[in-house]
Amino acid sequence: MSELFDVTLGPRDRPMTRAELADAMRTADVLVPNLRDRIDNTLVAQSGANLRLIANYGAGVDHIDVATCRQRGILVSNTPSVVTEDTADMTMALILAVTRRIPEGLALMRSNDFDGWSPNALLGGRIAGRRLGILGMGRIGQAVARRANAFGMQVHYHNRKRLREETESAVGATYWESLDQMVARMDVLSVNCPHTPSTFHLMNARRLKLMKPEAVIVNTSRGEVIDENALTRMLKAGDLAGAGLDVFDHTNVENADLRSLKNVVLLPHMGSATQEGRSEMGEKVIINIKTFADGHRPPDQVFAAML
């Protein structure tokens, strides 16, 4: 970016403060935030006349008030597709970690308490033959479906719109129009939909209670899609067998009960954390900015209607 543009770099690996964001938005022609830089309507209203593009470093844009940006003539772009394979890999890793109790085995070895193999120690469950329900069948959901098929899982999905028949066939997935009916019959539920007003706490207490007690839930999308407090209560009560979470209601895991449960695997939002993915995200940001600077619409422009 520095070779192509006059660039002011923000602090390394920490979110900008609100004051820093406000100052950048008053002076910059293009702003490159990430998911921890929350850009609400108040900040957008304070932006300078020169700001015409917010080129987000990341796929999700729920931290940006896209509608207000559009009203002020500010385009928003993101970096879709580059995180697809990495996030799908992490989804399968969490499914295996929860069902096969991998963190418990790791803790046993690190504590030096392992005294030899025994037939009933740390018994988990086989994932082959299990029903996997995917909530949100976009790029990542479809990538998860392909991986799950390779593991011998039966793949089902619920989506805002049903996939085309040829796409369904390619990923080997069965569509459920009713989310309630799907979650009640799944052994594993993978949350792969974005956070929007319509998906906030989509997996609420009522819907979580529809799940089978022996089922597990995995979330690599956005924490706000699941009612975290309701999920914690069910896990503590044994009403759900386990959970694997890479995202949370808040940036940090503020729920101490959730952290303490042995049947829960928690990760620090690592779903897209690969060297390849980060580099490709940066390249997409540069392409969006360069295309815009050349007088064209950024290839990854986000529209308010998409949210």
Protein backbone atom coordinates (compact mmCIF):
# COMPACT_ATOMS: atom_id res chain seq x y z
CA MET A 1 0.00 0.00 0.00
CA SER A 2 2.84 2.38 0.85
CA GLU A 3 4.29 1.91 -2.64
CA LEU A 4 0.99 2.91 -4.26
CA PHE A 5 -0.48 5.54 -1.94
CA ASP A 6 0.32 8.10 0.72
CA VAL A 7 -0.33 5.87 3.73
CA THR A 8 -0.66 6.58 7.44
CA LEU A 9 -0.42 3.34 9.40
CA GLY A 10 -2.41 2.75 12.55
CA PRO A 11 -1.21 0.95 15.70
CA ARG A 12 0.00 -2.59 15.11
CA ASP A 13 -2.33 -5.40 16.21
CA ARG A 14 -4.63 -3.30 18.38
CA PRO A 15 -7.89 -1.58 17.52
CA MET A 16 -7.85 2.15 16.94
CA THR A 17 -9.38 4.23 19.70
CA ARG A 18 -12.54 6.10 18.91
CA ALA A 19 -10.59 9.35 18.83
CA GLU A 20 -8.04 7.85 16.43
CA LEU A 21 -10.81 6.57 14.17
CA ALA A 22 -12.57 9.94 14.19
CA ASP A 23 -9.34 11.74 13.31
CA ALA A 24 -8.56 9.29 10.49
CA MET A 25 -12.06 9.62 9.06
CA ARG A 26 -11.82 13.42 9.06
CA THR A 27 -8.54 13.47 7.13
CA ALA A 28 -8.32 10.34 4.95
CA ASP A 29 -9.61 9.67 1.45
CA VAL A 30 -9.73 5.93 2.20
CA LEU A 31 -9.98 4.18 5.57
CA VAL A 32 -8.87 0.56 6.07
CA PRO A 33 -10.38 -0.75 9.33
CA ASN A 34 -10.71 -4.28 10.65
CA LEU A 35 -13.49 -5.97 12.61
CA ARG A 36 -12.42 -4.44 15.93
CA ASP A 37 -12.75 -0.89 14.61
CA ARG A 38 -16.41 -0.13 15.26
CA ILE A 39 -17.64 2.54 12.85
CA ASP A 40 -21.13 3.62 13.88
CA ASN A 41 -23.37 6.34 12.49
CA THR A 42 -21.91 8.97 14.83
CA LEU A 43 -18.40 8.43 13.51
CA VAL A 44 -19.63 8.35 9.93
CA ALA A 45 -21.44 11.66 10.49
CA GLN A 46 -18.14 13.22 11.61
CA SER A 47 -16.19 12.04 8.56
CA GLY A 48 -14.47 14.55 6.32
CA ALA A 49 -15.55 15.45 2.83
CA ASN A 50 -12.62 13.57 1.32
CA LEU A 51 -13.54 10.16 2.75
CA ARG A 52 -15.11 8.21 -0.08
CA LEU A 53 -14.13 4.59 0.59
CA ILE A 54 -13.94 2.35 3.64
CA ALA A 55 -11.95 -0.68 2.47
CA ASN A 56 -12.52 -3.17 5.26
CA TYR A 57 -9.78 -5.70 6.02
CA GLY A 58 -12.07 -8.69 6.57
CA ALA A 59 -15.21 -10.29 5.23
CA GLY A 60 -17.73 -9.28 7.90
CA VAL A 61 -18.98 -5.69 7.94
CA ASP A 62 -21.39 -5.75 10.87
CA HIS A 63 -19.03 -3.34 12.70
CA ILE A 64 -19.64 -0.71 10.00
CA ASP A 65 -22.86 1.27 9.55
CA VAL A 66 -23.05 0.57 5.82
CA ALA A 67 -26.44 2.25 5.39
CA THR A 68 -25.23 5.56 6.85
CA CYS A 69 -22.06 5.36 4.77
CA ARG A 70 -24.16 4.98 1.66
CA GLN A 71 -26.27 8.01 2.59
CA ARG A 72 -23.08 10.09 2.84
CA GLY A 73 -21.72 8.77 -0.45
CA ILE A 74 -19.05 6.60 1.15
CA LEU A 75 -18.50 3.22 -0.48
CA VAL A 76 -17.70 0.17 1.65
CA SER A 77 -15.75 -2.83 0.42
CA ASN A 78 -14.68 -6.05 2.12
CA THR A 79 -12.55 -9.14 1.48
CA PRO A 80 -14.92 -12.05 0.87
CA SER A 81 -14.03 -15.59 -0.16
CA VAL A 82 -10.39 -15.53 1.02
CA VAL A 83 -11.39 -16.75 4.50
CA THR A 84 -13.71 -19.48 3.23
CA GLU A 85 -11.42 -22.49 3.27
CA ASP A 86 -9.62 -21.49 6.47
CA THR A 87 -12.87 -20.96 8.39
CA ALA A 88 -14.31 -24.24 7.09
CA ASP A 89 -11.15 -26.03 8.26
CA MET A 90 -11.58 -24.53 11.72
CA THR A 91 -15.24 -25.56 11.80
CA MET A 92 -14.28 -29.18 11.23
CA ALA A 93 -11.47 -28.86 13.77
CA LEU A 94 -13.98 -27.70 16.40
CA ILE A 95 -16.43 -30.47 15.54
CA LEU A 96 -13.67 -33.04 16.04
CA ALA A 97 -12.31 -31.31 19.15
CA VAL A 98 -15.68 -31.35 20.89
CA THR A 99 -16.90 -34.79 19.84
CA ARG A 100 -13.53 -36.51 20.42
CA ARG A 101 -12.71 -34.54 23.61
CA ILE A 102 -9.31 -33.50 22.29
CA PRO A 103 -8.72 -30.57 24.71
CA GLU A 104 -9.40 -32.86 27.68
CA GLY A 105 -6.81 -35.31 26.39
CA LEU A 106 -4.34 -32.49 25.85
CA ALA A 107 -4.91 -31.19 29.39
CA LEU A 108 -4.37 -34.69 30.78
CA MET A 109 -1.01 -34.99 29.03
CA ARG A 110 0.13 -31.51 30.04
CA SER A 111 -0.73 -32.12 33.68
CA ASN A 112 1.33 -35.33 33.61
CA ASP A 113 -1.66 -37.28 34.95
CA PHE A 114 -1.79 -39.82 32.12
CA ASP A 115 -1.01 -43.23 33.62
CA GLY A 116 -1.71 -45.43 30.61
CA TRP A 117 -4.44 -46.44 28.23
CA SER A 118 -7.76 -47.75 29.51
CA PRO A 119 -10.83 -48.84 27.49
CA ASN A 120 -13.27 -46.30 28.97
CA ALA A 121 -11.02 -43.27 29.24
CA LEU A 122 -12.14 -40.06 27.46
CA LEU A 123 -14.70 -41.77 25.30
CA GLY A 124 -15.95 -39.47 22.59
CA GLY A 125 -18.22 -40.03 19.63
CA ARG A 126 -17.74 -41.04 16.02
CA ILE A 127 -18.73 -38.30 13.58
CA ALA A 128 -19.23 -40.58 10.56
CA GLY A 129 -22.96 -41.12 10.09
CA ARG A 130 -23.95 -38.18 12.27
CA ARG A 131 -26.36 -35.53 11.03
CA LEU A 132 -24.72 -32.15 10.55
CA GLY A 133 -27.01 -29.15 10.28
CA ILE A 134 -25.47 -26.05 8.71
CA LEU A 135 -27.10 -22.72 9.54
CA GLY A 136 -26.15 -20.44 6.67
CA MET A 137 -25.19 -22.02 3.35
CA GLY A 138 -23.00 -19.35 1.77
CA ARG A 139 -19.40 -19.88 0.70
CA ILE A 140 -18.25 -21.08 4.13
CA GLY A 141 -21.30 -23.25 4.75
CA GLN A 142 -20.78 -24.99 1.43
CA ALA A 143 -17.08 -25.50 2.17
CA VAL A 144 -18.04 -27.06 5.52
CA ALA A 145 -20.52 -29.33 3.72
CA ARG A 146 -17.83 -30.61 1.36
CA ARG A 147 -15.53 -31.43 4.25
CA ALA A 148 -18.30 -33.06 6.29
CA ASN A 149 -19.18 -35.29 3.36
CA ALA A 150 -15.59 -36.51 3.26
CA PHE A 151 -15.91 -37.45 6.94
CA GLY A 152 -19.05 -39.45 6.22
CA MET A 153 -21.51 -37.07 7.86
CA GLN A 154 -25.08 -36.56 6.64
CA VAL A 155 -25.30 -32.91 5.65
CA HIS A 156 -28.42 -30.79 6.10
CA TYR A 157 -28.86 -27.02 5.93
CA HIS A 158 -31.14 -24.07 6.51
CA ASN A 159 -30.62 -20.88 4.56
CA ARG A 160 -32.50 -17.68 3.82
CA LYS A 161 -32.82 -18.93 0.25
CA ARG A 162 -32.64 -22.50 -0.95
CA LEU A 163 -29.62 -23.36 -3.09
CA ARG A 164 -30.00 -24.35 -6.69
CA GLU A 165 -30.56 -28.06 -7.21
CA GLU A 166 -27.17 -28.55 -8.85
CA THR A 167 -25.41 -26.78 -5.96
CA GLU A 168 -27.27 -28.88 -3.41
CA SER A 169 -26.24 -32.00 -5.26
CA ALA A 170 -22.61 -30.88 -5.52
CA VAL A 171 -22.28 -30.36 -1.76
CA GLY A 172 -24.52 -33.32 -0.89
CA ALA A 173 -26.86 -31.33 1.34
CA THR A 174 -30.57 -31.60 2.21
CA TYR A 175 -32.56 -28.38 2.61
CA TRP A 176 -34.86 -27.64 5.55
CA GLU A 177 -37.28 -24.76 5.18
CA SER A 178 -37.95 -24.80 8.93
CA LEU A 179 -34.96 -24.04 11.13
CA ASP A 180 -36.83 -25.36 14.17
CA GLN A 181 -37.44 -28.71 12.55
CA MET A 182 -33.83 -28.99 11.42
CA VAL A 183 -32.15 -28.19 14.73
CA ALA A 184 -34.41 -30.66 16.55
CA ARG A 185 -33.06 -33.52 14.44
CA MET A 186 -29.35 -32.72 14.15
CA ASP A 187 -26.44 -34.31 16.01
CA VAL A 188 -24.14 -31.38 15.22
CA LEU A 189 -25.16 -27.82 14.39
CA SER A 190 -22.67 -25.52 12.66
CA VAL A 191 -23.45 -21.80 12.68
CA ASN A 192 -22.12 -20.18 9.50
CA CYS A 193 -24.44 -17.23 8.89
CA PRO A 194 -23.50 -13.53 9.23
CA HIS A 195 -24.63 -11.30 12.07
CA THR A 196 -27.49 -9.08 10.92
CA PRO A 197 -30.54 -7.69 12.74
CA SER A 198 -32.50 -10.75 11.58
CA THR A 199 -29.89 -13.25 12.83
CA PHE A 200 -29.23 -11.66 16.23
CA HIS A 201 -29.81 -14.47 18.78
CA LEU A 202 -31.30 -16.57 16.02
CA MET A 203 -30.28 -19.51 18.19
CA ASN A 204 -32.18 -18.24 21.22
CA ALA A 205 -33.17 -20.15 24.37
CA ARG A 206 -36.32 -21.57 22.80
CA ARG A 207 -34.51 -22.82 19.71
CA LEU A 208 -31.55 -24.20 21.67
CA LYS A 209 -33.98 -26.23 23.75
CA LEU A 210 -35.19 -27.93 20.57
CA MET A 211 -31.79 -29.54 20.13
CA LYS A 212 -31.17 -33.10 21.28
CA PRO A 213 -29.36 -33.44 24.63
CA GLU A 214 -26.60 -35.42 22.92
CA ALA A 215 -26.11 -32.77 20.21
CA VAL A 216 -23.24 -30.29 19.96
CA ILE A 217 -23.14 -26.80 18.49
CA VAL A 218 -20.19 -25.10 16.76
CA ASN A 219 -19.93 -21.41 15.85
CA THR A 220 -17.25 -19.90 13.59
CA SER A 221 -19.32 -17.00 12.25
CA ARG A 222 -20.43 -14.33 14.73
CA GLY A 223 -21.06 -14.72 18.45
CA GLU A 224 -24.23 -12.63 18.39
CA VAL A 225 -26.08 -15.33 16.46
CA ILE A 226 -26.29 -17.49 19.62
CA ASP A 227 -27.77 -16.44 22.95
CA GLU A 228 -24.58 -17.12 24.90
CA ASN A 229 -26.18 -17.04 28.36
CA ALA A 230 -28.89 -19.50 27.34
CA LEU A 231 -26.27 -21.76 25.76
CA THR A 232 -24.19 -21.71 28.95
CA ARG A 233 -27.17 -22.66 31.10
CA MET A 234 -28.00 -25.61 28.85
CA LEU A 235 -24.41 -26.85 28.77
CA LYS A 236 -24.16 -26.65 32.57
CA ALA A 237 -27.45 -28.51 32.98
CA GLY A 238 -26.43 -31.27 30.55
CA ASP A 239 -29.17 -30.32 28.09
CA LEU A 240 -26.51 -30.12 25.37
CA ALA A 241 -23.51 -32.40 25.00
CA GLY A 242 -20.98 -29.74 24.05
CA ALA A 243 -20.03 -26.62 22.14
CA GLY A 244 -17.11 -25.35 20.09
CA LEU A 245 -16.92 -21.56 19.86
CA ASP A 246 -14.48 -19.36 17.96
CA VAL A 247 -16.62 -16.23 18.41
CA PHE A 248 -18.56 -14.72 21.29
CA ASP A 249 -21.16 -12.12 22.22
CA HIS A 250 -18.29 -9.85 23.25
CA THR A 251 -14.72 -9.53 22.03
CA ASN A 252 -13.47 -11.42 25.07
CA VAL A 253 -15.15 -14.34 26.83
CA GLU A 254 -16.76 -12.51 29.72
CA ASN A 255 -18.78 -15.54 30.78
CA ALA A 256 -16.69 -17.31 33.45
CA ASP A 257 -19.09 -20.27 33.56
CA LEU A 258 -18.55 -20.86 29.86
CA ARG A 259 -14.78 -20.86 30.29
CA SER A 260 -14.97 -23.42 33.08
CA LEU A 261 -17.01 -26.10 31.30
CA LYS A 262 -15.11 -29.21 30.19
CA ASN A 263 -17.55 -29.91 27.37
CA VAL A 264 -16.79 -26.55 25.71
CA VAL A 265 -13.89 -25.75 23.39
CA LEU A 266 -13.13 -22.03 23.16
CA LEU A 267 -10.82 -20.42 20.60
CA PRO A 268 -9.76 -16.74 20.27
CA HIS A 269 -11.37 -16.03 16.88
CA MET A 270 -8.79 -18.07 14.95
CA GLY A 271 -11.05 -19.13 12.08
CA SER A 272 -9.29 -17.06 9.42
CA ALA A 273 -5.87 -16.94 11.09
CA THR A 274 -3.56 -18.36 8.44
CA GLN A 275 -0.60 -16.63 6.84
CA GLU A 276 -2.09 -17.30 3.41
CA GLY A 277 -5.47 -15.89 4.38
CA ARG A 278 -4.07 -12.69 5.89
CA SER A 279 -1.93 -12.03 2.81
CA GLU A 280 -4.86 -12.61 0.46
CA MET A 281 -7.05 -10.29 2.55
CA GLY A 282 -4.44 -7.56 2.22
CA GLU A 283 -4.20 -8.09 -1.53
CA LYS A 284 -7.98 -7.75 -1.86
CA VAL A 285 -7.92 -4.50 0.11
CA ILE A 286 -5.29 -3.09 -2.24
CA ILE A 287 -7.23 -4.19 -5.33
CA ASN A 288 -10.39 -2.53 -3.99
CA ILE A 289 -8.55 0.73 -3.29
CA LYS A 290 -6.62 0.75 -6.58
CA THR A 291 -9.79 0.06 -8.59
CA PHE A 292 -11.59 2.86 -6.77
CA ALA A 293 -8.64 5.25 -7.27
CA ASP A 294 -8.76 4.47 -10.99
CA GLY A 295 -12.36 5.66 -11.12
CA HIS A 296 -14.18 2.33 -11.01
CA ARG A 297 -16.41 0.58 -8.50
CA PRO A 298 -14.44 -1.66 -6.10
CA PRO A 299 -14.93 -5.32 -7.05
CA ASP A 300 -15.94 -6.19 -3.48
CA GLN A 301 -18.27 -3.30 -2.77
CA VAL A 302 -20.80 -4.01 -0.03
CA PHE A 303 -24.36 -2.81 -0.48
CA ALA A 304 -26.65 -1.91 2.41
CA ALA A 305 -29.35 -4.15 0.99
CA MET A 306 -27.07 -7.17 1.52
CA LEU A 307 -27.34 -6.71 5.27
